[in-house]
Amino acid sequence: MLKQFTFCEGKITETPDKECPIHVYVNPDETERRYLIESLHIDEHTLHSSLDSNELARMEMEPDHVALIIKEPKRYIGKDSFLFNVESIGLFMFADRLIILLTEDIQLFHGRQFAKVDSIQDVVLKLIYMSTAHFQGHIKAISICSDELEQQINVSINNRQLLNMFTLEKSLVFYLEGISSNGRVIDRLKASATKLGLSSAHQEFLDDIAIENAQSYEMAQIYSQVISSLMDARASIISNNLNVMMKNLNAIVIAVAIPSLFAGIGGMSEFSAIIGFERWWKVGYPLFIAIMFLLGLATFYLIRKVERTWR
């Protein structure tokens, strides 16, 4: 699917004009891919790489254009089950146009950052900046999810929350890889500023982007280390909760077993005859049951008291 945009009073607006400076291809079909490869001479491997979520960000200088692949946090949906993934965006800078390749339809030109743009270089730099801002926002969301899961793990006796924590840790690995590769692209842009026609204002903005990207990497690294270091402790909490439950169950089993022994003896006909149950059964049996109940209750509390003493 092709979307076309142009500059209008410092903003980016959609237009039907085919001669517009910005062309956005969302998951291009085979016809559109052939056009990009044969008519615009975009390298086929680079084109496929820009639609591959596993591809690292990079920059390549071609004879008539510059190819950029940057990483962007993938839009999170409920069925992802705490997996925050990344996707690739292809940017192909020609002298008179910018080709953008996306795997899914997302809002690109929104927010105050795109309130004042008037060149292709502006668009590219602000897309990279927005990608960095999205990473920071998603990292904060991962931190919130981690705090909620930690509270659930403290009272959990199953592995579901722990597995979700492992998924968050895996997500941060994806983010670290994406942010790191974006940083290498930013460094190459700074080194090739003159060739790309970047003004001094663009270069200053690029320095700001580099700082923001470094901060994003540090945030992801810190959260990754924190989650990783706490995983063993949280696993121990689950194991401890299970042990506490098993102790309680064992106490109940022992408390039931001891009265059962006396109940078995009391149920023998010879014993019943000796103590007169056959004669006073209306009083004897309820009294015997009450004694067994009290004996079991006393055994349970005795076991719990011994456990607390051993602690």
C-alpha atoms as a PDB file:
ATOM      1  CA  MET A   1       0.000   0.000   0.000  1.00  0.00           C
ATOM      2  CA  LEU A   2       1.357   3.394  -1.018  1.00  0.00           C
ATOM      3  CA  LYS A   3       0.801   6.653   0.859  1.00  0.00           C
ATOM      4  CA  GLN A   4       2.069   9.964  -0.464  1.00  0.00           C
ATOM      5  CA  PHE A   5       2.944  13.060   1.571  1.00  0.00           C
ATOM      6  CA  THR A   6       4.143  16.566   0.891  1.00  0.00           C
ATOM      7  CA  PHE A   7       5.281  19.622   2.842  1.00  0.00           C
ATOM      8  CA  CYS A   8       2.641  22.257   3.513  1.00  0.00           C
ATOM      9  CA  GLU A   9       3.389  25.291   5.693  1.00  0.00           C
ATOM     10  CA  GLY A  10       5.960  23.433   7.758  1.00  0.00           C
ATOM     11  CA  LYS A  11       3.796  20.329   8.206  1.00  0.00           C
ATOM     12  CA  ILE A  12       3.541  16.975   6.469  1.00  0.00           C
ATOM     13  CA  THR A  13       0.182  16.302   4.826  1.00  0.00           C
ATOM     14  CA  GLU A  14      -1.098  13.439   2.703  1.00  0.00           C
ATOM     15  CA  THR A  15      -1.563  14.149  -0.993  1.00  0.00           C
ATOM     16  CA  PRO A  16      -2.617  12.252  -4.156  1.00  0.00           C
ATOM     17  CA  ASP A  17       0.189  13.924  -6.131  1.00  0.00           C
ATOM     18  CA  LYS A  18       2.638  11.259  -7.368  1.00  0.00           C
ATOM     19  CA  GLU A  19       5.419  13.834  -7.636  1.00  0.00           C
ATOM     20  CA  CYS A  20       5.363  14.450  -3.883  1.00  0.00           C
ATOM     21  CA  PRO A  21       8.651  14.245  -1.910  1.00  0.00           C
ATOM     22  CA  ILE A  22       7.646  11.512   0.564  1.00  0.00           C
ATOM     23  CA  HIS A  23       6.421   8.047  -0.442  1.00  0.00           C
ATOM     24  CA  VAL A  24       5.459   5.588   2.289  1.00  0.00           C
ATOM     25  CA  TYR A  25       5.078   1.910   1.333  1.00  0.00           C
ATOM     26  CA  VAL A  26       3.277  -0.233   3.910  1.00  0.00           C
ATOM     27  CA  ASN A  27       4.127  -3.914   3.424  1.00  0.00           C
ATOM     28  CA  PRO A  28       4.654  -3.419  -0.341  1.00  0.00           C
ATOM     29  CA  ASP A  29       3.328  -6.099  -2.682  1.00  0.00           C
ATOM     30  CA  GLU A  30       5.351  -7.744  -5.431  1.00  0.00           C
ATOM     31  CA  THR A  31       4.497  -5.068  -8.035  1.00  0.00           C
ATOM     32  CA  GLU A  32       5.596  -2.266  -5.729  1.00  0.00           C
ATOM     33  CA  ARG A  33       8.783  -4.113  -4.847  1.00  0.00           C
ATOM     34  CA  ARG A  34       9.656  -4.598  -8.516  1.00  0.00           C
ATOM     35  CA  TYR A  35       9.132  -0.889  -9.091  1.00  0.00           C
ATOM     36  CA  LEU A  36      11.429   0.038  -6.201  1.00  0.00           C
ATOM     37  CA  ILE A  37      14.128  -2.368  -7.347  1.00  0.00           C
ATOM     38  CA  GLU A  38      14.005  -1.815 -11.108  1.00  0.00           C
ATOM     39  CA  SER A  39      12.960   1.839 -11.410  1.00  0.00           C
ATOM     40  CA  LEU A  40      14.569   3.382  -8.322  1.00  0.00           C
ATOM     41  CA  HIS A  41      17.514   0.957  -8.228  1.00  0.00           C
ATOM     42  CA  ILE A  42      17.066   0.069  -4.576  1.00  0.00           C
ATOM     43  CA  ASP A  43      19.151  -2.953  -3.701  1.00  0.00           C
ATOM     44  CA  GLU A  44      16.911  -6.014  -3.386  1.00  0.00           C
ATOM     45  CA  HIS A  45      18.701  -7.330  -0.307  1.00  0.00           C
ATOM     46  CA  THR A  46      18.471  -3.936   1.423  1.00  0.00           C
ATOM     47  CA  LEU A  47      14.773  -3.707   0.549  1.00  0.00           C
ATOM     48  CA  HIS A  48      14.038  -7.100   2.110  1.00  0.00           C
ATOM     49  CA  SER A  49      16.221  -6.256   5.109  1.00  0.00           C
ATOM     50  CA  SER A  50      14.210  -3.094   5.774  1.00  0.00           C
ATOM     51  CA  LEU A  51      11.096  -5.288   6.195  1.00  0.00           C
ATOM     52  CA  ASP A  52      12.842  -7.882   8.376  1.00  0.00           C
ATOM     53  CA  SER A  53      12.342  -7.372  12.115  1.00  0.00           C
ATOM     54  CA  ASN A  54      15.490  -9.410  12.868  1.00  0.00           C
ATOM     55  CA  GLU A  55      17.742  -7.187  10.748  1.00  0.00           C
ATOM     56  CA  LEU A  56      20.132  -4.812  12.514  1.00  0.00           C
ATOM     57  CA  ALA A  57      20.024  -1.077  11.858  1.00  0.00           C
ATOM     58  CA  ARG A  58      22.595   0.106   9.349  1.00  0.00           C
ATOM     59  CA  MET A  59      23.441   2.770   6.786  1.00  0.00           C
ATOM     60  CA  GLU A  60      24.618   2.187   3.210  1.00  0.00           C
ATOM     61  CA  MET A  61      25.807   4.741   0.675  1.00  0.00           C
ATOM     62  CA  GLU A  62      24.525   4.001  -2.841  1.00  0.00           C
ATOM     63  CA  PRO A  63      25.420   5.929  -6.035  1.00  0.00           C
ATOM     64  CA  ASP A  64      22.122   7.838  -6.225  1.00  0.00           C
ATOM     65  CA  HIS A  65      20.680   7.472  -2.719  1.00  0.00           C
ATOM     66  CA  VAL A  66      21.412   6.684   0.910  1.00  0.00           C
ATOM     67  CA  ALA A  67      19.797   3.606   2.479  1.00  0.00           C
ATOM     68  CA  LEU A  68      19.014   3.620   6.195  1.00  0.00           C
ATOM     69  CA  ILE A  69      17.506   0.848   8.277  1.00  0.00           C
ATOM     70  CA  ILE A  70      16.476   1.927  11.766  1.00  0.00           C
ATOM     71  CA  LYS A  71      14.871  -0.002  14.598  1.00  0.00           C
ATOM     72  CA  GLU A  72      11.530   0.966  16.146  1.00  0.00           C
ATOM     73  CA  PRO A  73       9.574  -0.606  19.040  1.00  0.00           C
ATOM     74  CA  LYS A  74       6.791  -2.738  17.644  1.00  0.00           C
ATOM     75  CA  ARG A  75       3.256  -1.770  18.576  1.00  0.00           C
ATOM     76  CA  TYR A  76       2.263  -3.831  21.613  1.00  0.00           C
ATOM     77  CA  ILE A  77      -1.030  -5.727  21.691  1.00  0.00           C
ATOM     78  CA  GLY A  78      -2.581  -7.887  24.397  1.00  0.00           C
ATOM     79  CA  LYS A  79      -1.879 -11.235  22.738  1.00  0.00           C
ATOM     80  CA  ASP A  80       1.877 -10.520  22.810  1.00  0.00           C
ATOM     81  CA  SER A  81       1.849 -11.667  26.469  1.00  0.00           C
ATOM     82  CA  PHE A  82       4.474  -9.246  27.817  1.00  0.00           C
ATOM     83  CA  LEU A  83       6.746  -9.641  24.778  1.00  0.00           C
ATOM     84  CA  PHE A  84       7.878  -6.218  23.569  1.00  0.00           C
ATOM     85  CA  ASN A  85       9.445  -6.703  20.160  1.00  0.00           C
ATOM     86  CA  VAL A  86      11.113  -4.434  17.609  1.00  0.00           C
ATOM     87  CA  GLU A  87      10.599  -3.844  13.902  1.00  0.00           C
ATOM     88  CA  SER A  88      12.615  -2.314  11.085  1.00  0.00           C
ATOM     89  CA  ILE A  89      11.924   0.838   9.100  1.00  0.00           C
ATOM     90  CA  GLY A  90      13.615   1.445   5.747  1.00  0.00           C
ATOM     91  CA  LEU A  91      14.527   5.016   4.768  1.00  0.00           C
ATOM     92  CA  PHE A  92      15.872   5.670   1.270  1.00  0.00           C
ATOM     93  CA  MET A  93      17.043   9.251   0.762  1.00  0.00           C
ATOM     94  CA  PHE A  94      17.172  10.459  -2.854  1.00  0.00           C
ATOM     95  CA  ALA A  95      17.980  13.969  -3.985  1.00  0.00           C
ATOM     96  CA  ASP A  96      14.316  14.828  -4.545  1.00  0.00           C
ATOM     97  CA  ARG A  97      12.361  12.244  -2.555  1.00  0.00           C
ATOM     98  CA  LEU A  98      12.269  10.030   0.514  1.00  0.00           C
ATOM     99  CA  ILE A  99      11.075   6.433   0.291  1.00  0.00           C
ATOM    100  CA  ILE A 100       9.894   4.889   3.573  1.00  0.00           C
ATOM    101  CA  LEU A 101       9.197   1.157   3.927  1.00  0.00           C
ATOM    102  CA  LEU A 102       7.057  -0.185   6.783  1.00  0.00           C
ATOM    103  CA  THR A 103       5.866  -3.669   7.703  1.00  0.00           C
ATOM    104  CA  GLU A 104       2.600  -2.363   9.204  1.00  0.00           C
ATOM    105  CA  ASP A 105       0.583   0.816   8.994  1.00  0.00           C
ATOM    106  CA  ILE A 106       1.602   3.138  11.826  1.00  0.00           C
ATOM    107  CA  GLN A 107       1.370   6.863  12.412  1.00  0.00           C
ATOM    108  CA  LEU A 108       4.695   8.352  11.436  1.00  0.00           C
ATOM    109  CA  PHE A 109       4.242  12.100  11.239  1.00  0.00           C
ATOM    110  CA  HIS A 110       2.497  13.020  14.468  1.00  0.00           C
ATOM    111  CA  GLY A 111       3.426  14.965  17.562  1.00  0.00           C
ATOM    112  CA  ARG A 112       5.023  18.334  18.061  1.00  0.00           C
ATOM    113  CA  GLN A 113       8.314  17.141  16.563  1.00  0.00           C
ATOM    114  CA  PHE A 114       6.712  17.221  13.101  1.00  0.00           C
ATOM    115  CA  ALA A 115       5.130  20.644  13.574  1.00  0.00           C
ATOM    116  CA  LYS A 116       7.974  22.303  11.654  1.00  0.00           C
ATOM    117  CA  VAL A 117       9.600  20.332   8.838  1.00  0.00           C
ATOM    118  CA  ASP A 118      10.540  21.522   5.387  1.00  0.00           C
ATOM    119  CA  SER A 119      13.127  19.085   4.030  1.00  0.00           C
ATOM    120  CA  ILE A 120      13.839  15.385   3.621  1.00  0.00           C
ATOM    121  CA  GLN A 121      16.730  15.664   6.079  1.00  0.00           C
ATOM    122  CA  ASP A 122      14.330  17.041   8.705  1.00  0.00           C
ATOM    123  CA  VAL A 123      12.008  14.074   8.251  1.00  0.00           C
ATOM    124  CA  VAL A 124      14.782  11.476   8.539  1.00  0.00           C
ATOM    125  CA  LEU A 125      16.302  12.988  11.668  1.00  0.00           C
ATOM    126  CA  LYS A 126      12.946  13.412  13.372  1.00  0.00           C
ATOM    127  CA  LEU A 127      11.937   9.838  12.567  1.00  0.00           C
ATOM    128  CA  ILE A 128      15.127   8.636  14.250  1.00  0.00           C
ATOM    129  CA  TYR A 129      14.409  10.914  17.213  1.00  0.00           C
ATOM    130  CA  MET A 130      10.834   9.604  17.501  1.00  0.00           C
ATOM    131  CA  SER A 131      12.157   6.042  17.431  1.00  0.00           C
ATOM    132  CA  THR A 132      14.435   6.869  20.365  1.00  0.00           C
ATOM    133  CA  ALA A 133      11.533   8.469  22.254  1.00  0.00           C
ATOM    134  CA  HIS A 134       9.370   5.385  21.614  1.00  0.00           C
ATOM    135  CA  PHE A 135      12.086   3.141  23.037  1.00  0.00           C
ATOM    136  CA  GLN A 136      12.176   5.241  26.202  1.00  0.00           C
ATOM    137  CA  GLY A 137       8.403   5.098  26.554  1.00  0.00           C
ATOM    138  CA  HIS A 138       8.300   1.330  26.091  1.00  0.00           C
ATOM    139  CA  ILE A 139      11.136   0.806  28.582  1.00  0.00           C
ATOM    140  CA  LYS A 140       9.117   2.704  31.192  1.00  0.00           C
ATOM    141  CA  ALA A 141       6.115   0.487  30.369  1.00  0.00           C
ATOM    142  CA  ILE A 142       8.295  -2.605  30.875  1.00  0.00           C
ATOM    143  CA  SER A 143       9.323  -1.240  34.277  1.00  0.00           C
ATOM    144  CA  ILE A 144       5.664  -0.825  35.297  1.00  0.00           C
ATOM    145  CA  CYS A 145       4.844  -4.373  34.124  1.00  0.00           C
ATOM    146  CA  SER A 146       7.841  -5.679  36.068  1.00  0.00           C
ATOM    147  CA  ASP A 147       6.650  -4.000  39.292  1.00  0.00           C
ATOM    148  CA  GLU A 148       3.150  -5.471  38.909  1.00  0.00           C
ATOM    149  CA  LEU A 149       4.499  -8.957  38.226  1.00  0.00           C
ATOM    150  CA  GLU A 150       6.811  -8.690  41.223  1.00  0.00           C
ATOM    151  CA  GLN A 151       3.847  -8.087  43.511  1.00  0.00           C
ATOM    152  CA  GLN A 152       2.022 -11.077  42.020  1.00  0.00           C
ATOM    153  CA  ILE A 153       5.080 -13.310  42.381  1.00  0.00           C
ATOM    154  CA  ASN A 154       5.274 -12.579  46.111  1.00  0.00           C
ATOM    155  CA  VAL A 155       2.000 -14.465  46.649  1.00  0.00           C
ATOM    156  CA  SER A 156       2.136 -16.842  43.680  1.00  0.00           C
ATOM    157  CA  ILE A 157       2.546 -20.620  43.823  1.00  0.00           C
ATOM    158  CA  ASN A 158       2.793 -21.214  40.065  1.00  0.00           C
ATOM    159  CA  ASN A 159       5.265 -20.293  37.331  1.00  0.00           C
ATOM    160  CA  ARG A 160       3.110 -18.066  35.094  1.00  0.00           C
ATOM    161  CA  GLN A 161       4.261 -14.750  36.540  1.00  0.00           C
ATOM    162  CA  LEU A 162       7.860 -15.928  36.604  1.00  0.00           C
ATOM    163  CA  LEU A 163       7.673 -16.869  32.918  1.00  0.00           C
ATOM    164  CA  ASN A 164       6.253 -13.413  32.175  1.00  0.00           C
ATOM    165  CA  MET A 165       9.290 -11.914  33.898  1.00  0.00           C
ATOM    166  CA  PHE A 166      11.542 -13.981  31.661  1.00  0.00           C
ATOM    167  CA  THR A 167       9.609 -12.611  28.670  1.00  0.00           C
ATOM    168  CA  LEU A 168      10.200  -9.026  29.828  1.00  0.00           C
ATOM    169  CA  GLU A 169      13.896  -9.789  30.205  1.00  0.00           C
ATOM    170  CA  LYS A 170      13.927 -11.158  26.651  1.00  0.00           C
ATOM    171  CA  SER A 171      12.188  -7.983  25.437  1.00  0.00           C
ATOM    172  CA  LEU A 172      14.910  -5.826  26.956  1.00  0.00           C
ATOM    173  CA  VAL A 173      17.512  -7.868  25.093  1.00  0.00           C
ATOM    174  CA  PHE A 174      15.715  -7.024  21.827  1.00  0.00           C
ATOM    175  CA  TYR A 175      15.593  -3.363  22.832  1.00  0.00           C
ATOM    176  CA  LEU A 176      19.269  -3.239  23.760  1.00  0.00           C
ATOM    177  CA  GLU A 177      20.173  -4.703  20.383  1.00  0.00           C
ATOM    178  CA  GLY A 178      17.891  -2.281  18.518  1.00  0.00           C
ATOM    179  CA  ILE A 179      19.038   0.817  20.414  1.00  0.00           C
ATOM    180  CA  SER A 180      22.684  -0.143  20.030  1.00  0.00           C
ATOM    181  CA  SER A 181      22.384  -0.598  16.260  1.00  0.00           C
ATOM    182  CA  ASN A 182      20.484   2.706  15.990  1.00  0.00           C
ATOM    183  CA  GLY A 183      23.419   4.322  17.760  1.00  0.00           C
ATOM    184  CA  ARG A 184      25.790   3.066  15.082  1.00  0.00           C
ATOM    185  CA  VAL A 185      23.554   4.567  12.393  1.00  0.00           C
ATOM    186  CA  ILE A 186      23.574   7.900  14.223  1.00  0.00           C
ATOM    187  CA  ASP A 187      27.367   7.819  14.395  1.00  0.00           C
ATOM    188  CA  ARG A 188      27.578   7.183  10.650  1.00  0.00           C
ATOM    189  CA  LEU A 189      25.164  10.025   9.956  1.00  0.00           C
ATOM    190  CA  LYS A 190      27.345  12.372  11.991  1.00  0.00           C
ATOM    191  CA  ALA A 191      30.434  11.229  10.088  1.00  0.00           C
ATOM    192  CA  SER A 192      28.674  11.711   6.715  1.00  0.00           C
ATOM    193  CA  ALA A 193      26.922  14.975   7.560  1.00  0.00           C
ATOM    194  CA  THR A 194      28.572  16.924   4.753  1.00  0.00           C
ATOM    195  CA  LYS A 195      27.779  14.321   2.086  1.00  0.00           C
ATOM    196  CA  LEU A 196      24.156  14.190   3.199  1.00  0.00           C
ATOM    197  CA  GLY A 197      23.786  17.974   3.094  1.00  0.00           C
ATOM    198  CA  LEU A 198      23.110  18.327   6.803  1.00  0.00           C
ATOM    199  CA  SER A 199      23.227  21.909   8.057  1.00  0.00           C
ATOM    200  CA  SER A 200      24.781  22.982  11.355  1.00  0.00           C
ATOM    201  CA  ALA A 201      21.302  22.942  12.916  1.00  0.00           C
ATOM    202  CA  HIS A 202      20.824  19.370  11.682  1.00  0.00           C
ATOM    203  CA  GLN A 203      24.164  18.363  13.174  1.00  0.00           C
ATOM    204  CA  GLU A 204      23.257  19.885  16.530  1.00  0.00           C
ATOM    205  CA  PHE A 205      19.953  18.020  16.457  1.00  0.00           C
ATOM    206  CA  LEU A 206      21.852  14.850  15.573  1.00  0.00           C
ATOM    207  CA  ASP A 207      24.042  15.362  18.654  1.00  0.00           C
ATOM    208  CA  ASP A 208      20.875  15.627  20.772  1.00  0.00           C
ATOM    209  CA  ILE A 209      19.558  12.413  19.216  1.00  0.00           C
ATOM    210  CA  ALA A 210      22.830  10.645  20.031  1.00  0.00           C
ATOM    211  CA  ILE A 211      22.522  11.723  23.692  1.00  0.00           C
ATOM    212  CA  GLU A 212      18.891  10.570  23.889  1.00  0.00           C
ATOM    213  CA  ASN A 213      19.785   7.254  22.284  1.00  0.00           C
ATOM    214  CA  ALA A 214      22.630   6.721  24.765  1.00  0.00           C
ATOM    215  CA  GLN A 215      20.239   7.435  27.637  1.00  0.00           C
ATOM    216  CA  SER A 216      17.747   4.937  26.209  1.00  0.00           C
ATOM    217  CA  TYR A 217      20.481   2.299  26.060  1.00  0.00           C
ATOM    218  CA  GLU A 218      21.489   2.973  29.671  1.00  0.00           C
ATOM    219  CA  MET A 219      17.849   2.737  30.810  1.00  0.00           C
ATOM    220  CA  ALA A 220      17.343  -0.588  29.033  1.00  0.00           C
ATOM    221  CA  GLN A 221      20.625  -1.923  30.381  1.00  0.00           C
ATOM    222  CA  ILE A 222      19.809  -0.956  33.983  1.00  0.00           C
ATOM    223  CA  TYR A 223      16.325  -2.487  33.870  1.00  0.00           C
ATOM    224  CA  SER A 224      17.715  -5.619  32.240  1.00  0.00           C
ATOM    225  CA  GLN A 225      20.323  -6.027  34.967  1.00  0.00           C
ATOM    226  CA  VAL A 226      17.770  -5.406  37.720  1.00  0.00           C
ATOM    227  CA  ILE A 227      15.313  -7.967  36.347  1.00  0.00           C
ATOM    228  CA  SER A 228      18.081 -10.486  35.761  1.00  0.00           C
ATOM    229  CA  SER A 229      19.526 -10.106  39.274  1.00  0.00           C
ATOM    230  CA  LEU A 230      16.099 -10.480  40.918  1.00  0.00           C
ATOM    231  CA  MET A 231      14.963 -13.542  38.962  1.00  0.00           C
ATOM    232  CA  ASP A 232      16.659 -16.020  41.313  1.00  0.00           C
ATOM    233  CA  ALA A 233      15.232 -14.277  44.374  1.00  0.00           C
ATOM    234  CA  ARG A 234      11.728 -14.305  42.902  1.00  0.00           C
ATOM    235  CA  ALA A 235      12.060 -17.972  41.983  1.00  0.00           C
ATOM    236  CA  SER A 236      13.055 -18.653  45.599  1.00  0.00           C
ATOM    237  CA  ILE A 237       9.922 -16.830  46.779  1.00  0.00           C
ATOM    238  CA  ILE A 238       7.740 -19.146  44.710  1.00  0.00           C
ATOM    239  CA  SER A 239       9.617 -22.177  46.059  1.00  0.00           C
ATOM    240  CA  ASN A 240       9.267 -20.870  49.612  1.00  0.00           C
ATOM    241  CA  ASN A 241       5.523 -20.309  49.175  1.00  0.00           C
ATOM    242  CA  LEU A 242       5.182 -23.880  47.946  1.00  0.00           C
ATOM    243  CA  ASN A 243       7.160 -25.186  50.941  1.00  0.00           C
ATOM    244  CA  VAL A 244       4.927 -23.269  53.352  1.00  0.00           C
ATOM    245  CA  MET A 245       1.825 -24.743  51.747  1.00  0.00           C
ATOM    246  CA  MET A 246       3.299 -28.269  51.910  1.00  0.00           C
ATOM    247  CA  LYS A 247       4.112 -27.793  55.611  1.00  0.00           C
ATOM    248  CA  ASN A 248       0.531 -26.801  56.300  1.00  0.00           C
ATOM    249  CA  LEU A 249      -0.764 -29.803  54.371  1.00  0.00           C
ATOM    250  CA  ASN A 250       1.589 -32.126  56.269  1.00  0.00           C
ATOM    251  CA  ALA A 251       0.389 -30.676  59.567  1.00  0.00           C
ATOM    252  CA  ILE A 252      -3.215 -31.335  58.549  1.00  0.00           C
ATOM    253  CA  VAL A 253      -2.402 -34.914  57.479  1.00  0.00           C
ATOM    254  CA  ILE A 254      -0.681 -35.667  60.815  1.00  0.00           C
ATOM    255  CA  ALA A 255      -3.488 -33.987  62.752  1.00  0.00           C
ATOM    256  CA  VAL A 256      -6.024 -36.228  60.999  1.00  0.00           C
ATOM    257  CA  ALA A 257      -3.915 -39.396  61.250  1.00  0.00           C
ATOM    258  CA  ILE A 258      -3.589 -39.401  65.048  1.00  0.00           C
ATOM    259  CA  PRO A 259      -7.347 -39.179  65.805  1.00  0.00           C
ATOM    260  CA  SER A 260      -7.931 -41.770  63.079  1.00  0.00           C
ATOM    261  CA  LEU A 261      -5.751 -44.200  65.018  1.00  0.00           C
ATOM    262  CA  PHE A 262      -7.865 -43.823  68.158  1.00  0.00           C
ATOM    263  CA  ALA A 263     -11.055 -43.872  66.136  1.00  0.00           C
ATOM    264  CA  GLY A 264      -9.994 -47.184  64.631  1.00  0.00           C
ATOM    265  CA  ILE A 265      -9.307 -48.621  68.045  1.00  0.00           C
ATOM    266  CA  GLY A 266     -12.578 -47.257  69.419  1.00  0.00           C
ATOM    267  CA  GLY A 267     -14.464 -48.800  66.544  1.00  0.00           C
ATOM    268  CA  MET A 268     -13.473 -52.341  67.534  1.00  0.00           C
ATOM    269  CA  SER A 269     -16.401 -54.271  69.025  1.00  0.00           C
ATOM    270  CA  GLU A 270     -14.293 -55.738  71.895  1.00  0.00           C
ATOM    271  CA  PHE A 271     -13.068 -52.291  72.932  1.00  0.00           C
ATOM    272  CA  SER A 272     -16.566 -50.841  72.690  1.00  0.00           C
ATOM    273  CA  ALA A 273     -17.886 -53.573  74.953  1.00  0.00           C
ATOM    274  CA  ILE A 274     -15.132 -52.985  77.502  1.00  0.00           C
ATOM    275  CA  ILE A 275     -15.749 -49.263  77.874  1.00  0.00           C
ATOM    276  CA  GLY A 276     -19.522 -49.578  77.672  1.00  0.00           C
ATOM    277  CA  PHE A 277     -20.198 -47.874  74.297  1.00  0.00           C
ATOM    278  CA  GLU A 278     -22.859 -50.441  73.489  1.00  0.00           C
ATOM    279  CA  ARG A 279     -24.802 -49.409  76.579  1.00  0.00           C
ATOM    280  CA  TRP A 280     -24.193 -45.623  76.487  1.00  0.00           C
ATOM    281  CA  TRP A 281     -23.769 -45.171  72.728  1.00  0.00           C
ATOM    282  CA  LYS A 282     -26.038 -42.109  72.539  1.00  0.00           C
ATOM    283  CA  VAL A 283     -23.615 -40.247  74.811  1.00  0.00           C
ATOM    284  CA  GLY A 284     -20.422 -42.187  74.183  1.00  0.00           C
ATOM    285  CA  TYR A 285     -20.117 -41.803  70.434  1.00  0.00           C
ATOM    286  CA  PRO A 286     -20.713 -37.997  70.311  1.00  0.00           C
ATOM    287  CA  LEU A 287     -18.280 -37.611  73.206  1.00  0.00           C
ATOM    288  CA  PHE A 288     -15.723 -39.829  71.466  1.00  0.00           C
ATOM    289  CA  ILE A 289     -16.037 -37.812  68.231  1.00  0.00           C
ATOM    290  CA  ALA A 290     -15.602 -34.551  70.121  1.00  0.00           C
ATOM    291  CA  ILE A 291     -12.478 -35.904  71.836  1.00  0.00           C
ATOM    292  CA  MET A 292     -11.048 -36.984  68.455  1.00  0.00           C
ATOM    293  CA  PHE A 293     -11.720 -33.526  66.991  1.00  0.00           C
ATOM    294  CA  LEU A 294     -10.054 -31.781  69.911  1.00  0.00           C
ATOM    295  CA  LEU A 295      -7.129 -34.183  69.748  1.00  0.00           C
ATOM    296  CA  GLY A 296      -6.627 -33.451  66.026  1.00  0.00           C
ATOM    297  CA  LEU A 297      -6.870 -29.690  66.600  1.00  0.00           C
ATOM    298  CA  ALA A 298      -4.373 -29.858  69.460  1.00  0.00           C
ATOM    299  CA  THR A 299      -1.982 -31.916  67.300  1.00  0.00           C
ATOM    300  CA  PHE A 300      -2.196 -29.358  64.454  1.00  0.00           C
ATOM    301  CA  TYR A 301      -1.414 -26.389  66.703  1.00  0.00           C
ATOM    302  CA  LEU A 302       1.373 -28.327  68.417  1.00  0.00           C
ATOM    303  CA  ILE A 303       3.022 -28.992  65.055  1.00  0.00           C
ATOM    304  CA  ARG A 304       2.707 -25.309  64.063  1.00  0.00           C
ATOM    305  CA  LYS A 305       4.221 -24.227  67.384  1.00  0.00           C
ATOM    306  CA  VAL A 306       7.175 -26.589  66.892  1.00  0.00           C
ATOM    307  CA  GLU A 307       7.711 -25.185  63.376  1.00  0.00           C
ATOM    308  CA  ARG A 308       7.769 -21.619  64.677  1.00  0.00           C
ATOM    309  CA  THR A 309      10.255 -22.644  67.380  1.00  0.00           C
ATOM    310  CA  TRP A 310      12.607 -24.162  64.761  1.00  0.00           C
ATOM    311  CA  ARG A 311      12.577 -20.896  62.805  1.00  0.00           C
END
